[in-house]
Amino acid sequence: MNHLRTRVSASVSIVVVAVACSAIAPSAVARDRDCSDFKNQRQAQKFFKKHHGSKRNDPHRLDADHDGKACEDSY
């Protein structure tokens, strides 16, 4: 009986840790964006600037030629 209690306790602990980790994970993480996700270049540029896009930092790879203009060849 004591062995069963230990197994149940371990299972509950795993579930608690999994739930806690999912609650800690940021839910507002921006998904990777592509130029096709925007209606026009202006909208892409606004997103690019708002999400720290610059010539040196382009996490979404919206500025292929690194000139500070997002999706300029897509529209």
Protein backbone atom coordinates (compact mmCIF):
# COMPACT_ATOMS: atom_id res chain seq x y z
CA MET A 1 0.00 0.00 0.00
CA ASN A 2 2.85 2.35 0.84
CA HIS A 3 4.40 1.67 -2.60
CA LEU A 4 1.13 2.63 -4.32
CA ARG A 5 0.94 5.87 -2.33
CA THR A 6 4.47 6.76 -3.46
CA ARG A 7 3.57 6.17 -7.11
CA VAL A 8 0.42 8.28 -6.87
CA SER A 9 2.33 11.03 -5.11
CA ALA A 10 5.00 11.00 -7.81
CA SER A 11 2.36 11.15 -10.56
CA VAL A 12 0.62 14.07 -8.89
CA SER A 13 3.96 15.87 -8.54
CA ILE A 14 4.65 15.48 -12.25
CA VAL A 15 1.26 16.92 -13.16
CA VAL A 16 1.71 19.85 -10.76
CA VAL A 17 5.13 20.67 -12.25
CA ALA A 18 3.78 20.45 -15.80
CA VAL A 19 0.89 22.78 -15.02
CA ALA A 20 3.19 25.22 -13.20
CA CYS A 21 5.61 25.31 -16.13
CA SER A 22 2.86 26.00 -18.63
CA ALA A 23 1.54 28.81 -16.44
CA ILE A 24 5.00 30.37 -16.24
CA ALA A 25 5.64 30.20 -19.99
CA PRO A 26 4.85 33.51 -21.68
CA SER A 27 1.59 33.28 -23.57
CA ALA A 28 2.15 36.48 -25.54
CA VAL A 29 5.16 35.21 -27.46
CA ALA A 30 4.85 36.52 -30.99
CA ARG A 31 4.77 33.80 -33.59
CA ASP A 32 7.19 34.06 -36.47
CA ARG A 33 5.84 36.44 -39.08
CA ASP A 34 6.43 36.54 -42.82
CA CYS A 35 5.73 39.31 -45.32
CA SER A 36 2.69 37.39 -46.58
CA ASP A 37 1.11 37.85 -43.13
CA PHE A 38 0.63 41.57 -43.78
CA LYS A 39 -1.80 43.37 -46.10
CA ASN A 40 0.84 45.86 -47.26
CA GLN A 41 4.38 47.10 -46.69
CA ARG A 42 3.24 49.85 -44.34
CA GLN A 43 1.61 47.31 -42.00
CA ALA A 44 4.74 45.14 -42.12
CA GLN A 45 6.93 48.16 -41.35
CA LYS A 46 4.78 49.11 -38.36
CA PHE A 47 5.07 45.56 -36.98
CA PHE A 48 8.81 45.52 -37.73
CA LYS A 49 9.43 48.69 -35.72
CA LYS A 50 7.08 47.75 -32.87
CA HIS A 51 8.82 44.40 -32.40
CA HIS A 52 12.32 45.86 -32.21
CA GLY A 53 13.17 45.44 -35.84
CA SER A 54 16.23 47.31 -37.01
CA LYS A 55 19.10 46.88 -39.44
CA ARG A 56 20.90 44.77 -36.83
CA ASN A 57 17.94 43.04 -35.17
CA ASP A 58 15.37 41.35 -37.38
CA PRO A 59 13.94 38.36 -35.48
CA HIS A 60 11.20 37.79 -38.06
CA ARG A 61 13.53 38.24 -41.05
CA LEU A 62 11.27 40.85 -42.65
CA ASP A 63 14.18 42.99 -43.88
CA ALA A 64 16.05 40.81 -46.36
CA ASP A 65 18.60 43.45 -47.42
CA HIS A 66 19.07 44.93 -43.92
CA ASP A 67 18.25 48.50 -44.90
CA GLY A 68 15.61 49.03 -42.18
CA LYS A 69 12.64 48.61 -44.52
CA ALA A 70 10.45 45.56 -43.96
CA CYS A 71 9.00 43.60 -46.87
CA GLU A 72 9.85 46.27 -49.42
CA ASP A 73 10.03 43.79 -52.32
CA SER A 74 6.86 41.90 -51.41
CA TYR A 75 4.23 44.42 -52.48
